[in-house]
C-alpha atoms as a PDB file:
ATOM      1  CA  MET A   1     157.409 -58.318  76.119  1.00  0.00           C
ATOM      2  CA  LYS A   2     156.802 -58.062  72.428  1.00  0.00           C
ATOM      3  CA  ARG A   3     159.161 -59.840  71.906  1.00  0.00           C
ATOM      4  CA  PHE A   4     158.050 -62.681  74.304  1.00  0.00           C
ATOM      5  CA  LEU A   5     154.335 -62.631  72.657  1.00  0.00           C
ATOM      6  CA  LEU A   6     155.962 -62.446  68.816  1.00  0.00           C
ATOM      7  CA  TRP A   7     158.105 -65.376  69.642  1.00  0.00           C
ATOM      8  CA  SER A   8     160.828 -63.623  67.693  1.00  0.00           C
ATOM      9  CA  PHE A   9     163.674 -65.385  69.550  1.00  0.00           C
ATOM     10  CA  GLU A  10     165.991 -68.047  67.720  1.00  0.00           C
ATOM     11  CA  ARG A  11     165.731 -71.832  68.575  1.00  0.00           C
ATOM     12  CA  GLY A  12     168.386 -72.382  71.019  1.00  0.00           C
ATOM     13  CA  SER A  13     169.393 -69.226  72.836  1.00  0.00           C
ATOM     14  CA  ILE A  14     168.518 -68.561  76.361  1.00  0.00           C
ATOM     15  CA  GLN A  15     165.104 -66.354  75.917  1.00  0.00           C
ATOM     16  CA  TYR A  16     163.357 -69.339  73.506  1.00  0.00           C
ATOM     17  CA  ASP A  17     164.905 -71.791  76.537  1.00  0.00           C
ATOM     18  CA  VAL A  18     163.171 -70.158  78.802  1.00  0.00           C
ATOM     19  CA  ILE A  19     159.890 -69.448  77.054  1.00  0.00           C
ATOM     20  CA  CYS A  20     159.726 -72.953  76.982  1.00  0.00           C
ATOM     21  CA  VAL A  21     160.404 -73.893  80.172  1.00  0.00           C
ATOM     22  CA  VAL A  22     157.471 -71.455  81.365  1.00  0.00           C
ATOM     23  CA  ILE A  23     155.070 -73.211  78.264  1.00  0.00           C
ATOM     24  CA  LEU A  24     155.390 -76.730  79.496  1.00  0.00           C
ATOM     25  CA  ALA A  25     156.058 -75.398  83.644  1.00  0.00           C
ATOM     26  CA  PHE A  26     151.821 -74.730  82.657  1.00  0.00           C
ATOM     27  CA  ILE A  27     150.804 -77.264  80.988  1.00  0.00           C
ATOM     28  CA  PHE A  28     152.009 -79.781  83.799  1.00  0.00           C
ATOM     29  CA  MET A  29     151.652 -77.671  87.512  1.00  0.00           C
ATOM     30  CA  THR A  30     147.598 -76.708  86.644  1.00  0.00           C
ATOM     31  CA  PRO A  31     145.404 -78.297  88.152  1.00  0.00           C
ATOM     32  CA  ALA A  32     142.919 -81.092  86.113  1.00  0.00           C
ATOM     33  CA  SER A  33     140.096 -79.033  87.920  1.00  0.00           C
ATOM     34  CA  PHE A  34     141.494 -75.642  86.468  1.00  0.00           C
ATOM     35  CA  PHE A  35     140.325 -76.326  82.860  1.00  0.00           C
ATOM     36  CA  ASP A  36     136.847 -78.422  84.226  1.00  0.00           C
ATOM     37  CA  ASP A  37     134.350 -77.962  80.820  1.00  0.00           C
ATOM     38  CA  ARG A  38     132.814 -81.094  81.239  1.00  0.00           C
ATOM     39  CA  SER A  39     129.638 -81.012  80.063  1.00  0.00           C
ATOM     40  CA  ASP A  40     127.450 -79.764  82.804  1.00  0.00           C
ATOM     41  CA  TRP A  41     125.062 -82.889  83.256  1.00  0.00           C
ATOM     42  CA  ARG A  42     128.860 -84.598  83.755  1.00  0.00           C
ATOM     43  CA  ARG A  43     129.629 -82.580  87.478  1.00  0.00           C
ATOM     44  CA  ILE A  44     128.822 -83.858  89.990  1.00  0.00           C
ATOM     45  CA  ASP A  45     128.593 -82.264  93.519  1.00  0.00           C
ATOM     46  CA  ALA A  46     128.830 -82.866  97.302  1.00  0.00           C
ATOM     47  CA  SER A  47     125.611 -80.833  98.003  1.00  0.00           C
ATOM     48  CA  ASP A  48     123.291 -82.286  94.443  1.00  0.00           C
ATOM     49  CA  PRO A  49     120.368 -85.328  95.660  1.00  0.00           C
ATOM     50  CA  ILE A  50     121.266 -88.913  95.452  1.00  0.00           C
ATOM     51  CA  VAL A  51     119.497 -88.709  91.657  1.00  0.00           C
ATOM     52  CA  ARG A  52     118.874 -85.586  89.046  1.00  0.00           C
ATOM     53  CA  GLN A  53     117.824 -85.164  86.199  1.00  0.00           C
ATOM     54  CA  ARG A  54     119.803 -82.548  84.139  1.00  0.00           C
ATOM     55  CA  LYS A  55     119.320 -81.954  80.021  1.00  0.00           C
ATOM     56  CA  ASP A  56     122.909 -83.660  77.789  1.00  0.00           C
ATOM     57  CA  ASP A  57     124.545 -81.623  74.781  1.00  0.00           C
ATOM     58  CA  TYR A  58     121.365 -82.649  72.428  1.00  0.00           C
ATOM     59  CA  GLY A  59     118.279 -81.734  75.097  1.00  0.00           C
ATOM     60  CA  LYS A  60     117.441 -85.361  75.680  1.00  0.00           C
ATOM     61  CA  PRO A  61     116.604 -86.127  79.183  1.00  0.00           C
ATOM     62  CA  VAL A  62     119.533 -87.786  81.360  1.00  0.00           C
ATOM     63  CA  TRP A  63     118.773 -88.911  85.038  1.00  0.00           C
ATOM     64  CA  VAL A  64     121.988 -89.226  87.406  1.00  0.00           C
ATOM     65  CA  VAL A  65     122.173 -91.546  89.920  1.00  0.00           C
ATOM     66  CA  LYS A  66     125.476 -91.479  92.668  1.00  0.00           C
ATOM     67  CA  VAL A  67     126.702 -94.268  93.248  1.00  0.00           C
ATOM     68  CA  ASN A  68     129.598 -97.599  92.953  1.00  0.00           C
ATOM     69  CA  ALA A  69     127.437 -99.891  91.409  1.00  0.00           C
ATOM     70  CA  GLU A  70     125.370 -99.846  88.472  1.00  0.00           C
ATOM     71  CA  GLN A  71     122.726-102.209  89.214  1.00  0.00           C
ATOM     72  CA  ASP A  72     122.641 -99.904  92.144  1.00  0.00           C
ATOM     73  CA  ALA A  73     122.382 -97.408  90.744  1.00  0.00           C
ATOM     74  CA  VAL A  74     119.349 -98.601  88.239  1.00  0.00           C
ATOM     75  CA  ASP A  75     117.573 -99.798  91.293  1.00  0.00           C
ATOM     76  CA  ARG A  76     118.039 -96.055  92.493  1.00  0.00           C
ATOM     77  CA  LEU A  77     116.237 -94.659  89.615  1.00  0.00           C
ATOM     78  CA  LYS A  78     113.646 -96.602  89.226  1.00  0.00           C
ATOM     79  CA  THR A  79     112.573 -96.346  93.216  1.00  0.00           C
ATOM     80  CA  SER A  80     113.097 -92.974  92.591  1.00  0.00           C
ATOM     81  CA  LEU A  81     110.793 -92.960  89.391  1.00  0.00           C
ATOM     82  CA  GLY A  82     108.088 -94.483  90.833  1.00  0.00           C
ATOM     83  CA  GLN A  83     108.197 -96.230  88.057  1.00  0.00           C
ATOM     84  CA  ASP A  84     109.209 -98.937  85.293  1.00  0.00           C
ATOM     85  CA  VAL A  85     111.890 -97.605  82.410  1.00  0.00           C
ATOM     86  CA  THR A  86     113.734 -98.714  79.617  1.00  0.00           C
ATOM     87  CA  ILE A  87     116.744 -97.948  80.315  1.00  0.00           C
ATOM     88  CA  PHE A  88     118.432 -97.471  76.459  1.00  0.00           C
ATOM     89  CA  ARG A  89     122.215 -95.913  77.278  1.00  0.00           C
ATOM     90  CA  THR A  90     124.422 -95.628  80.772  1.00  0.00           C
ATOM     91  CA  GLU A  91     127.766 -94.004  81.408  1.00  0.00           C
ATOM     92  CA  PRO A  92     129.899 -93.747  83.837  1.00  0.00           C
ATOM     93  CA  VAL A  93     130.710 -90.302  85.568  1.00  0.00           C
ATOM     94  CA  ALA A  94     133.435 -89.347  86.937  1.00  0.00           C
ATOM     95  CA  ASP A  95     135.132 -86.830  89.184  1.00  0.00           C
ATOM     96  CA  THR A  96     138.318 -84.606  88.050  1.00  0.00           C
ATOM     97  CA  TYR A  97     139.906 -87.043  89.751  1.00  0.00           C
ATOM     98  CA  GLY A  98     139.034 -89.937  87.400  1.00  0.00           C
ATOM     99  CA  ARG A  99     137.161 -91.910  90.183  1.00  0.00           C
ATOM    100  CA  ARG A 100     133.727 -92.787  88.965  1.00  0.00           C
ATOM    101  CA  VAL A 101     131.093 -91.596  91.499  1.00  0.00           C
ATOM    102  CA  ALA A 102     127.872 -91.158  89.473  1.00  0.00           C
ATOM    103  CA  TYR A 103     125.471 -93.229  86.530  1.00  0.00           C
ATOM    104  CA  ALA A 104     124.301 -90.871  84.122  1.00  0.00           C
ATOM    105  CA  PHE A 105     120.506 -93.442  82.307  1.00  0.00           C
ATOM    106  CA  TRP A 106     119.331 -92.151  79.002  1.00  0.00           C
ATOM    107  CA  VAL A 107     115.691 -93.823  80.448  1.00  0.00           C
ATOM    108  CA  VAL A 108     111.955 -94.430  77.633  1.00  0.00           C
ATOM    109  CA  ARG A 109     109.002 -93.794  79.624  1.00  0.00           C
END
């Protein structure tokens, strides 16, 4: 076991090839959700409300709205807040499969 951990096999040997196959199998067969290292505001659950407020990596408030179209998301956010806001940054939020499920908005009131 010590030789496997210290990688002390010659290139082209059977043991070296087995270790390489194991590493490649781990990389390509592990689901993407295993490495879910997205920021908290980028994680969307089915149980989350349509509009929710979170903090980004720098502590600024982010409003996340679950819809498919960006303009619908803006309208829902303004309706939810009950006041007119200025949006200075918008980002689509995707799930672990890369499908767009929401939009994130940074606003100035």
